[in-house]
Amino acid sequence: MSTTLEGKVAFVTGAARGQGRSHAIELAREGADIIAVDVAHDLPELGLGYALGTAEDLAETAAEVEKLDRRIVTAEVDVRDGAALAAALDAGVAELGGLDIVAANAGIAANSVPTHEITDEAWEQMLAINLTGVWKTSKAAVPHLVAGGRGGSMILTSSMAGLRGYQGIGAYTAAKHGVVGLMRVLASELAQHSIRVNSVHPTQVETPMLLNDATYKIFRPDLENPTLEDFIPASAGMHALPVPWAEPRDISRAVVFLASEDSRLITGVTLPIDAGLMVK
């Protein structure tokens, strides 16, 4: 096993499955112990076109980390609940002995609708989870990082929609752009403590958030009931490299790099993992 992050403790939100689970596993593979949180149940009021992770999924994440002989503390927390988020992190830090790495990954996907037709409720829910949830994660984590006195690394999950505009997902795009602004301010404020802050910007990633009927419809509005087979060429057409999407581990290895001493002088950076989307 690699020991790039031996002795470190990482806090991962949205860890029940998908990118969050992958981040927890890859950080553990490099030697870190993990504090993992997830809402771990569906939120029907959001009207998402896919199911969220479950308590069983979060337990499976824990089992995968433990197979790597790393410690893990889990909690079922909605990132909109700042008090619960802080309490879960406080408990994890008390058990594992500190905090060095934050992967603020939790988020939801958007339904496609013209920006002027987004309901007030849908707009507020999107920003509450995808932007304010990242801020609340940072608010809970920064005091622990500073108190540790050994620097640290925060990696905020944005999106390619945080670097450019996409029709039909105005609230999501606004939230992900907001993550970039938050990242840059935190990078400036925390540099004096040797705490680095960067954002990752994935293209499409092979998770349940992507592979569902609602997403297929966004990419193939010309079809009444598009399938995965219809979606694949539309997704691949976004990229310069010949792939339809990234795998979760592709994003996780970038997170590991930004968490490690290999990136010790990198802060305030927006890192695309985009298969060449920006140069297409």
C-alpha atoms as a PDB file:
ATOM      1  CA  MET A   1       0.000   0.000   0.000  1.00  0.00           C
ATOM      2  CA  SER A   2       1.175   3.524  -0.773  1.00  0.00           C
ATOM      3  CA  THR A   3       1.654   5.794   2.248  1.00  0.00           C
ATOM      4  CA  THR A   4       1.449   9.210   0.598  1.00  0.00           C
ATOM      5  CA  LEU A   5      -1.103  10.301   3.207  1.00  0.00           C
ATOM      6  CA  GLU A   6       0.025   8.181   6.150  1.00  0.00           C
ATOM      7  CA  GLY A   7      -1.045   9.721   9.453  1.00  0.00           C
ATOM      8  CA  LYS A   8      -3.559  12.084   7.829  1.00  0.00           C
ATOM      9  CA  VAL A   9      -7.295  12.349   8.488  1.00  0.00           C
ATOM     10  CA  ALA A  10      -9.667  13.222   5.635  1.00  0.00           C
ATOM     11  CA  PHE A  11     -13.253  14.487   5.812  1.00  0.00           C
ATOM     12  CA  VAL A  12     -15.401  13.435   2.830  1.00  0.00           C
ATOM     13  CA  THR A  13     -18.988  14.571   2.228  1.00  0.00           C
ATOM     14  CA  GLY A  14     -21.403  12.711  -0.019  1.00  0.00           C
ATOM     15  CA  ALA A  15     -19.447   9.536   0.731  1.00  0.00           C
ATOM     16  CA  ALA A  16     -22.146   6.878   0.432  1.00  0.00           C
ATOM     17  CA  ARG A  17     -21.450   6.112  -3.212  1.00  0.00           C
ATOM     18  CA  GLY A  18     -20.210   7.590  -6.496  1.00  0.00           C
ATOM     19  CA  GLN A  19     -17.366  10.072  -6.388  1.00  0.00           C
ATOM     20  CA  GLY A  20     -17.548  10.458  -2.600  1.00  0.00           C
ATOM     21  CA  ARG A  21     -17.110   6.740  -1.973  1.00  0.00           C
ATOM     22  CA  SER A  22     -14.282   6.652  -4.487  1.00  0.00           C
ATOM     23  CA  HIS A  23     -12.572   9.620  -2.797  1.00  0.00           C
ATOM     24  CA  ALA A  24     -12.808   7.916   0.600  1.00  0.00           C
ATOM     25  CA  ILE A  25     -11.348   4.688  -0.759  1.00  0.00           C
ATOM     26  CA  GLU A  26      -8.496   6.316  -2.673  1.00  0.00           C
ATOM     27  CA  LEU A  27      -7.552   8.590   0.223  1.00  0.00           C
ATOM     28  CA  ALA A  28      -7.559   5.540   2.494  1.00  0.00           C
ATOM     29  CA  ARG A  29      -5.503   3.601  -0.030  1.00  0.00           C
ATOM     30  CA  GLU A  30      -2.845   6.290   0.348  1.00  0.00           C
ATOM     31  CA  GLY A  31      -2.870   5.946   4.141  1.00  0.00           C
ATOM     32  CA  ALA A  32      -5.497   8.415   5.399  1.00  0.00           C
ATOM     33  CA  ASP A  33      -8.165   7.695   7.994  1.00  0.00           C
ATOM     34  CA  ILE A  34     -11.621   8.886   6.963  1.00  0.00           C
ATOM     35  CA  ILE A  35     -14.550  10.833   8.384  1.00  0.00           C
ATOM     36  CA  ALA A  36     -17.386  10.132   5.943  1.00  0.00           C
ATOM     37  CA  VAL A  37     -20.829  11.722   5.891  1.00  0.00           C
ATOM     38  CA  ASP A  38     -23.824  11.473   3.597  1.00  0.00           C
ATOM     39  CA  VAL A  39     -27.519  12.318   3.829  1.00  0.00           C
ATOM     40  CA  ALA A  40     -28.002   8.573   3.150  1.00  0.00           C
ATOM     41  CA  HIS A  41     -31.680   8.684   2.204  1.00  0.00           C
ATOM     42  CA  ASP A  42     -33.853  10.030  -0.590  1.00  0.00           C
ATOM     43  CA  LEU A  43     -35.133  13.600  -0.554  1.00  0.00           C
ATOM     44  CA  PRO A  44     -38.365  13.378  -2.602  1.00  0.00           C
ATOM     45  CA  GLU A  45     -38.997  17.109  -2.284  1.00  0.00           C
ATOM     46  CA  LEU A  46     -36.016  17.782  -4.553  1.00  0.00           C
ATOM     47  CA  GLY A  47     -37.682  16.064  -7.513  1.00  0.00           C
ATOM     48  CA  LEU A  48     -34.446  14.450  -8.682  1.00  0.00           C
ATOM     49  CA  GLY A  49     -34.485  11.963 -11.536  1.00  0.00           C
ATOM     50  CA  TYR A  50     -32.406   9.451  -9.576  1.00  0.00           C
ATOM     51  CA  ALA A  51     -32.210   7.920  -6.097  1.00  0.00           C
ATOM     52  CA  LEU A  52     -29.722   9.170  -3.533  1.00  0.00           C
ATOM     53  CA  GLY A  53     -27.338   6.938  -1.594  1.00  0.00           C
ATOM     54  CA  THR A  54     -28.602   4.932   1.367  1.00  0.00           C
ATOM     55  CA  ALA A  55     -27.425   4.027   4.848  1.00  0.00           C
ATOM     56  CA  GLU A  56     -26.460   0.655   3.418  1.00  0.00           C
ATOM     57  CA  ASP A  57     -24.345   2.393   0.769  1.00  0.00           C
ATOM     58  CA  LEU A  58     -22.553   4.416   3.456  1.00  0.00           C
ATOM     59  CA  ALA A  59     -21.900   1.218   5.410  1.00  0.00           C
ATOM     60  CA  GLU A  60     -20.417  -0.325   2.268  1.00  0.00           C
ATOM     61  CA  THR A  61     -18.093   2.659   1.916  1.00  0.00           C
ATOM     62  CA  ALA A  62     -16.967   2.072   5.494  1.00  0.00           C
ATOM     63  CA  ALA A  63     -16.379  -1.615   4.792  1.00  0.00           C
ATOM     64  CA  GLU A  64     -14.259  -0.810   1.729  1.00  0.00           C
ATOM     65  CA  VAL A  65     -12.107   1.608   3.734  1.00  0.00           C
ATOM     66  CA  GLU A  66     -11.690  -0.900   6.546  1.00  0.00           C
ATOM     67  CA  LYS A  67     -10.492  -3.514   4.035  1.00  0.00           C
ATOM     68  CA  LEU A  68      -7.548  -1.176   3.468  1.00  0.00           C
ATOM     69  CA  ASP A  69      -6.723  -1.300   7.210  1.00  0.00           C
ATOM     70  CA  ARG A  70      -7.727   2.310   7.708  1.00  0.00           C
ATOM     71  CA  ARG A  71     -10.077   3.712  10.335  1.00  0.00           C
ATOM     72  CA  ILE A  72     -13.347   5.346   9.352  1.00  0.00           C
ATOM     73  CA  VAL A  73     -16.085   7.207  11.226  1.00  0.00           C
ATOM     74  CA  THR A  74     -19.431   7.691   9.450  1.00  0.00           C
ATOM     75  CA  ALA A  75     -22.522   9.807  10.058  1.00  0.00           C
ATOM     76  CA  GLU A  76     -25.795  10.413   8.248  1.00  0.00           C
ATOM     77  CA  VAL A  77     -25.858  14.176   7.769  1.00  0.00           C
ATOM     78  CA  ASP A  78     -27.468  16.609   5.335  1.00  0.00           C
ATOM     79  CA  VAL A  79     -24.879  19.259   4.386  1.00  0.00           C
ATOM     80  CA  ARG A  80     -27.620  21.886   4.678  1.00  0.00           C
ATOM     81  CA  ASP A  81     -27.643  21.260   8.436  1.00  0.00           C
ATOM     82  CA  GLY A  82     -24.584  23.121   9.625  1.00  0.00           C
ATOM     83  CA  ALA A  83     -24.983  22.169  13.284  1.00  0.00           C
ATOM     84  CA  ALA A  84     -25.268  18.453  12.524  1.00  0.00           C
ATOM     85  CA  LEU A  85     -22.375  18.662  10.079  1.00  0.00           C
ATOM     86  CA  ALA A  86     -20.138  20.335  12.663  1.00  0.00           C
ATOM     87  CA  ALA A  87     -21.161  17.825  15.348  1.00  0.00           C
ATOM     88  CA  ALA A  88     -20.350  14.876  13.089  1.00  0.00           C
ATOM     89  CA  LEU A  89     -16.979  16.338  12.192  1.00  0.00           C
ATOM     90  CA  ASP A  90     -16.181  17.195  15.817  1.00  0.00           C
ATOM     91  CA  ALA A  91     -16.925  13.592  16.812  1.00  0.00           C
ATOM     92  CA  GLY A  92     -14.787  12.221  14.004  1.00  0.00           C
ATOM     93  CA  VAL A  93     -11.862  14.478  14.840  1.00  0.00           C
ATOM     94  CA  ALA A  94     -12.096  13.502  18.513  1.00  0.00           C
ATOM     95  CA  GLU A  95     -11.968   9.815  17.591  1.00  0.00           C
ATOM     96  CA  LEU A  96      -9.310   9.964  14.865  1.00  0.00           C
ATOM     97  CA  GLY A  97      -7.107  12.651  16.351  1.00  0.00           C
ATOM     98  CA  GLY A  98      -7.178  15.587  13.954  1.00  0.00           C
ATOM     99  CA  LEU A  99      -8.038  16.821  10.486  1.00  0.00           C
ATOM    100  CA  ASP A 100      -5.779  17.380   7.479  1.00  0.00           C
ATOM    101  CA  ILE A 101      -7.853  16.972   4.308  1.00  0.00           C
ATOM    102  CA  VAL A 102     -11.344  18.060   3.297  1.00  0.00           C
ATOM    103  CA  ALA A 103     -13.109  16.735   0.194  1.00  0.00           C
ATOM    104  CA  ALA A 104     -16.325  18.773  -0.048  1.00  0.00           C
ATOM    105  CA  ASN A 105     -18.001  16.539  -2.593  1.00  0.00           C
ATOM    106  CA  ALA A 106     -21.710  16.352  -1.689  1.00  0.00           C
ATOM    107  CA  GLY A 107     -24.062  17.714  -4.321  1.00  0.00           C
ATOM    108  CA  ILE A 108     -27.081  17.060  -6.511  1.00  0.00           C
ATOM    109  CA  ALA A 109     -27.673  17.160 -10.248  1.00  0.00           C
ATOM    110  CA  ALA A 110     -30.062  19.496 -12.024  1.00  0.00           C
ATOM    111  CA  ASN A 111     -33.191  18.981 -14.058  1.00  0.00           C
ATOM    112  CA  SER A 112     -33.166  20.760 -17.400  1.00  0.00           C
ATOM    113  CA  VAL A 113     -35.365  23.856 -17.456  1.00  0.00           C
ATOM    114  CA  PRO A 114     -34.890  27.361 -18.876  1.00  0.00           C
ATOM    115  CA  THR A 115     -33.391  29.616 -16.238  1.00  0.00           C
ATOM    116  CA  HIS A 116     -36.349  32.009 -16.142  1.00  0.00           C
ATOM    117  CA  GLU A 117     -38.682  29.054 -15.504  1.00  0.00           C
ATOM    118  CA  ILE A 118     -36.815  27.642 -12.489  1.00  0.00           C
ATOM    119  CA  THR A 119     -39.052  27.787  -9.444  1.00  0.00           C
ATOM    120  CA  ASP A 120     -37.937  29.749  -6.411  1.00  0.00           C
ATOM    121  CA  GLU A 121     -37.916  26.523  -4.397  1.00  0.00           C
ATOM    122  CA  ALA A 122     -35.779  24.621  -6.921  1.00  0.00           C
ATOM    123  CA  TRP A 123     -33.293  27.501  -7.140  1.00  0.00           C
ATOM    124  CA  GLU A 124     -32.971  27.751  -3.366  1.00  0.00           C
ATOM    125  CA  GLN A 125     -32.613  23.993  -2.901  1.00  0.00           C
ATOM    126  CA  MET A 126     -29.864  23.774  -5.515  1.00  0.00           C
ATOM    127  CA  LEU A 127     -27.820  26.589  -3.991  1.00  0.00           C
ATOM    128  CA  ALA A 128     -28.456  25.314  -0.456  1.00  0.00           C
ATOM    129  CA  ILE A 129     -26.886  21.934  -1.249  1.00  0.00           C
ATOM    130  CA  ASN A 130     -24.337  22.632  -3.982  1.00  0.00           C
ATOM    131  CA  LEU A 131     -22.976  25.945  -2.717  1.00  0.00           C
ATOM    132  CA  THR A 132     -24.093  26.689   0.835  1.00  0.00           C
ATOM    133  CA  GLY A 133     -23.446  23.036   1.755  1.00  0.00           C
ATOM    134  CA  VAL A 134     -19.843  23.449   0.612  1.00  0.00           C
ATOM    135  CA  TRP A 135     -19.545  26.630   2.675  1.00  0.00           C
ATOM    136  CA  LYS A 136     -21.008  24.897   5.738  1.00  0.00           C
ATOM    137  CA  THR A 137     -18.544  22.043   5.236  1.00  0.00           C
ATOM    138  CA  SER A 138     -15.723  24.584   5.099  1.00  0.00           C
ATOM    139  CA  LYS A 139     -17.069  26.447   8.125  1.00  0.00           C
ATOM    140  CA  ALA A 140     -17.067  23.237  10.173  1.00  0.00           C
ATOM    141  CA  ALA A 141     -13.649  22.106   8.944  1.00  0.00           C
ATOM    142  CA  VAL A 142     -11.465  25.221   8.950  1.00  0.00           C
ATOM    143  CA  PRO A 143     -11.221  25.610  12.751  1.00  0.00           C
ATOM    144  CA  HIS A 144      -9.951  22.022  13.014  1.00  0.00           C
ATOM    145  CA  LEU A 145      -7.411  22.543  10.232  1.00  0.00           C
ATOM    146  CA  VAL A 146      -6.121  25.755  11.801  1.00  0.00           C
ATOM    147  CA  ALA A 147      -6.037  24.285  15.308  1.00  0.00           C
ATOM    148  CA  GLY A 148      -4.001  21.335  14.064  1.00  0.00           C
ATOM    149  CA  GLY A 149      -1.168  23.682  13.194  1.00  0.00           C
ATOM    150  CA  ARG A 150       0.144  21.427  10.435  1.00  0.00           C
ATOM    151  CA  GLY A 151      -1.454  22.981   7.378  1.00  0.00           C
ATOM    152  CA  GLY A 152      -3.836  20.994   5.252  1.00  0.00           C
ATOM    153  CA  SER A 153      -5.659  20.716   1.958  1.00  0.00           C
ATOM    154  CA  MET A 154      -9.255  21.445   1.025  1.00  0.00           C
ATOM    155  CA  ILE A 155     -10.630  20.176  -2.271  1.00  0.00           C
ATOM    156  CA  LEU A 156     -14.008  21.597  -3.271  1.00  0.00           C
ATOM    157  CA  THR A 157     -15.978  19.753  -5.932  1.00  0.00           C
ATOM    158  CA  SER A 158     -17.270  22.093  -8.618  1.00  0.00           C
ATOM    159  CA  SER A 159     -17.967  20.974 -12.190  1.00  0.00           C
ATOM    160  CA  MET A 160     -17.191  21.911 -15.746  1.00  0.00           C
ATOM    161  CA  ALA A 161     -20.382  23.922 -15.220  1.00  0.00           C
ATOM    162  CA  GLY A 162     -18.305  25.965 -12.777  1.00  0.00           C
ATOM    163  CA  LEU A 163     -16.063  27.069 -15.653  1.00  0.00           C
ATOM    164  CA  ARG A 164     -18.562  27.666 -18.445  1.00  0.00           C
ATOM    165  CA  GLY A 165     -22.288  28.104 -18.975  1.00  0.00           C
ATOM    166  CA  TYR A 166     -24.680  25.333 -19.964  1.00  0.00           C
ATOM    167  CA  GLN A 167     -28.187  25.966 -21.230  1.00  0.00           C
ATOM    168  CA  GLY A 168     -30.999  24.579 -19.121  1.00  0.00           C
ATOM    169  CA  ILE A 169     -29.121  24.169 -15.824  1.00  0.00           C
ATOM    170  CA  GLY A 170     -28.894  27.748 -14.604  1.00  0.00           C
ATOM    171  CA  ALA A 171     -29.162  27.084 -10.870  1.00  0.00           C
ATOM    172  CA  TYR A 172     -26.610  24.266 -10.999  1.00  0.00           C
ATOM    173  CA  THR A 173     -24.218  26.371 -13.061  1.00  0.00           C
ATOM    174  CA  ALA A 174     -24.591  29.349 -10.731  1.00  0.00           C
ATOM    175  CA  ALA A 175     -23.915  27.159  -7.685  1.00  0.00           C
ATOM    176  CA  LYS A 176     -20.845  25.563  -9.237  1.00  0.00           C
ATOM    177  CA  HIS A 177     -19.463  28.964 -10.260  1.00  0.00           C
ATOM    178  CA  GLY A 178     -20.077  30.055  -6.680  1.00  0.00           C
ATOM    179  CA  VAL A 179     -17.908  27.188  -5.429  1.00  0.00           C
ATOM    180  CA  VAL A 180     -15.023  28.643  -7.440  1.00  0.00           C
ATOM    181  CA  GLY A 181     -15.430  32.044  -5.807  1.00  0.00           C
ATOM    182  CA  LEU A 182     -15.594  30.441  -2.368  1.00  0.00           C
ATOM    183  CA  MET A 183     -12.486  28.397  -3.130  1.00  0.00           C
ATOM    184  CA  ARG A 184     -10.487  31.446  -4.180  1.00  0.00           C
ATOM    185  CA  VAL A 185     -11.394  33.422  -1.068  1.00  0.00           C
ATOM    186  CA  LEU A 186     -10.603  30.494   1.230  1.00  0.00           C
ATOM    187  CA  ALA A 187      -7.280  29.930  -0.557  1.00  0.00           C
ATOM    188  CA  SER A 188      -6.348  33.552   0.107  1.00  0.00           C
ATOM    189  CA  GLU A 189      -7.542  33.596   3.702  1.00  0.00           C
ATOM    190  CA  LEU A 190      -6.003  30.285   4.748  1.00  0.00           C
ATOM    191  CA  ALA A 191      -2.627  30.494   3.014  1.00  0.00           C
ATOM    192  CA  GLN A 192      -1.108  32.030   6.160  1.00  0.00           C
ATOM    193  CA  HIS A 193      -1.881  28.732   7.912  1.00  0.00           C
ATOM    194  CA  SER A 194      -0.327  26.619   5.096  1.00  0.00           C
ATOM    195  CA  ILE A 195      -3.811  25.391   4.227  1.00  0.00           C
ATOM    196  CA  ARG A 196      -4.261  24.994   0.488  1.00  0.00           C
ATOM    197  CA  VAL A 197      -7.673  25.227  -1.178  1.00  0.00           C
ATOM    198  CA  ASN A 198      -8.425  24.114  -4.742  1.00  0.00           C
ATOM    199  CA  SER A 199     -11.424  23.009  -6.771  1.00  0.00           C
ATOM    200  CA  VAL A 200     -11.883  20.035  -9.088  1.00  0.00           C
ATOM    201  CA  HIS A 201     -14.048  20.271 -12.183  1.00  0.00           C
ATOM    202  CA  PRO A 202     -15.170  16.894 -13.486  1.00  0.00           C
ATOM    203  CA  THR A 203     -16.817  16.324 -16.804  1.00  0.00           C
ATOM    204  CA  GLN A 204     -19.514  13.633 -16.858  1.00  0.00           C
ATOM    205  CA  VAL A 205     -18.709  10.924 -14.303  1.00  0.00           C
ATOM    206  CA  GLU A 206     -20.008   7.356 -14.388  1.00  0.00           C
ATOM    207  CA  THR A 207     -22.248   7.458 -11.311  1.00  0.00           C
ATOM    208  CA  PRO A 208     -26.006   7.131 -10.679  1.00  0.00           C
ATOM    209  CA  MET A 209     -26.219  10.935 -10.838  1.00  0.00           C
ATOM    210  CA  LEU A 210     -25.291  10.694 -14.522  1.00  0.00           C
ATOM    211  CA  LEU A 211     -26.679   7.366 -15.679  1.00  0.00           C
ATOM    212  CA  ASN A 212     -30.412   7.918 -15.383  1.00  0.00           C
ATOM    213  CA  ASP A 213     -33.360   8.731 -17.615  1.00  0.00           C
ATOM    214  CA  ALA A 214     -33.457  12.413 -16.641  1.00  0.00           C
ATOM    215  CA  THR A 215     -29.876  12.946 -17.819  1.00  0.00           C
ATOM    216  CA  TYR A 216     -30.477  11.030 -21.021  1.00  0.00           C
ATOM    217  CA  LYS A 217     -33.385  13.367 -21.768  1.00  0.00           C
ATOM    218  CA  ILE A 218     -31.217  16.452 -21.188  1.00  0.00           C
ATOM    219  CA  PHE A 219     -28.709  15.238 -23.765  1.00  0.00           C
ATOM    220  CA  ARG A 220     -31.219  13.816 -26.248  1.00  0.00           C
ATOM    221  CA  PRO A 221     -34.275  16.086 -26.112  1.00  0.00           C
ATOM    222  CA  ASP A 222     -35.016  15.046 -29.682  1.00  0.00           C
ATOM    223  CA  LEU A 223     -36.067  11.591 -28.451  1.00  0.00           C
ATOM    224  CA  GLU A 224     -39.162  10.812 -26.409  1.00  0.00           C
ATOM    225  CA  ASN A 225     -37.526   8.077 -24.308  1.00  0.00           C
ATOM    226  CA  PRO A 226     -33.765   8.131 -24.853  1.00  0.00           C
ATOM    227  CA  THR A 227     -31.711   5.202 -23.589  1.00  0.00           C
ATOM    228  CA  LEU A 228     -28.143   4.756 -22.396  1.00  0.00           C
ATOM    229  CA  GLU A 229     -27.197   3.778 -25.935  1.00  0.00           C
ATOM    230  CA  ASP A 230     -28.624   7.067 -27.201  1.00  0.00           C
ATOM    231  CA  PHE A 231     -26.813   9.025 -24.506  1.00  0.00           C
ATOM    232  CA  ILE A 232     -23.319   7.570 -24.997  1.00  0.00           C
ATOM    233  CA  PRO A 233     -22.488   9.226 -28.349  1.00  0.00           C
ATOM    234  CA  ALA A 234     -23.966  12.547 -27.203  1.00  0.00           C
ATOM    235  CA  SER A 235     -21.800  12.474 -24.097  1.00  0.00           C
ATOM    236  CA  ALA A 236     -18.689  11.357 -25.973  1.00  0.00           C
ATOM    237  CA  GLY A 237     -19.204  14.176 -28.458  1.00  0.00           C
ATOM    238  CA  MET A 238     -18.413  16.696 -25.717  1.00  0.00           C
ATOM    239  CA  HIS A 239     -14.855  15.443 -25.295  1.00  0.00           C
ATOM    240  CA  ALA A 240     -11.645  15.706 -27.295  1.00  0.00           C
ATOM    241  CA  LEU A 241     -10.479  12.368 -25.886  1.00  0.00           C
ATOM    242  CA  PRO A 242     -12.475   9.368 -27.162  1.00  0.00           C
ATOM    243  CA  VAL A 243     -14.446   8.622 -23.977  1.00  0.00           C
ATOM    244  CA  PRO A 244     -18.089   9.218 -23.027  1.00  0.00           C
ATOM    245  CA  TRP A 245     -17.338   9.993 -19.379  1.00  0.00           C
ATOM    246  CA  ALA A 246     -14.802   9.835 -16.576  1.00  0.00           C
ATOM    247  CA  GLU A 247     -14.780   7.115 -13.954  1.00  0.00           C
ATOM    248  CA  PRO A 248     -15.012   8.123 -10.274  1.00  0.00           C
ATOM    249  CA  ARG A 249     -11.417   7.037  -9.683  1.00  0.00           C
ATOM    250  CA  ASP A 250     -10.225   9.540 -12.301  1.00  0.00           C
ATOM    251  CA  ILE A 251     -11.526  12.329 -10.088  1.00  0.00           C
ATOM    252  CA  SER A 252     -10.335  10.665  -6.895  1.00  0.00           C
ATOM    253  CA  ARG A 253      -6.733  10.430  -8.069  1.00  0.00           C
ATOM    254  CA  ALA A 254      -6.803  14.184  -8.716  1.00  0.00           C
ATOM    255  CA  VAL A 255      -8.179  14.663  -5.199  1.00  0.00           C
ATOM    256  CA  VAL A 256      -5.355  12.516  -3.803  1.00  0.00           C
ATOM    257  CA  PHE A 257      -2.799  14.611  -5.691  1.00  0.00           C
ATOM    258  CA  LEU A 258      -4.244  17.856  -4.330  1.00  0.00           C
ATOM    259  CA  ALA A 259      -4.334  16.370  -0.828  1.00  0.00           C
ATOM    260  CA  SER A 260      -0.691  15.277  -0.960  1.00  0.00           C
ATOM    261  CA  GLU A 261       2.662  17.000  -0.600  1.00  0.00           C
ATOM    262  CA  ASP A 262       3.118  16.548  -4.353  1.00  0.00           C
ATOM    263  CA  SER A 263       0.936  19.654  -4.726  1.00  0.00           C
ATOM    264  CA  ARG A 264       2.340  21.546  -1.747  1.00  0.00           C
ATOM    265  CA  LEU A 265       2.646  24.844  -3.641  1.00  0.00           C
ATOM    266  CA  ILE A 266      -0.665  24.570  -5.512  1.00  0.00           C
ATOM    267  CA  THR A 267      -3.526  26.636  -4.122  1.00  0.00           C
ATOM    268  CA  GLY A 268      -6.374  28.658  -5.598  1.00  0.00           C
ATOM    269  CA  VAL A 269      -6.439  26.454  -8.705  1.00  0.00           C
ATOM    270  CA  THR A 270      -9.421  25.235 -10.752  1.00  0.00           C
ATOM    271  CA  LEU A 271      -8.442  21.766 -11.992  1.00  0.00           C
ATOM    272  CA  PRO A 272     -10.496  20.348 -14.874  1.00  0.00           C
ATOM    273  CA  ILE A 273     -10.717  16.591 -15.227  1.00  0.00           C
ATOM    274  CA  ASP A 274     -12.584  16.952 -18.465  1.00  0.00           C
ATOM    275  CA  ALA A 275     -11.272  14.562 -21.150  1.00  0.00           C
ATOM    276  CA  GLY A 276     -10.476  17.621 -23.232  1.00  0.00           C
ATOM    277  CA  LEU A 277     -13.938  19.172 -23.056  1.00  0.00           C
ATOM    278  CA  MET A 278     -12.512  22.700 -22.839  1.00  0.00           C
ATOM    279  CA  VAL A 279     -10.403  22.270 -25.988  1.00  0.00           C
ATOM    280  CA  LYS A 280     -13.027  20.417 -28.041  1.00  0.00           C
END
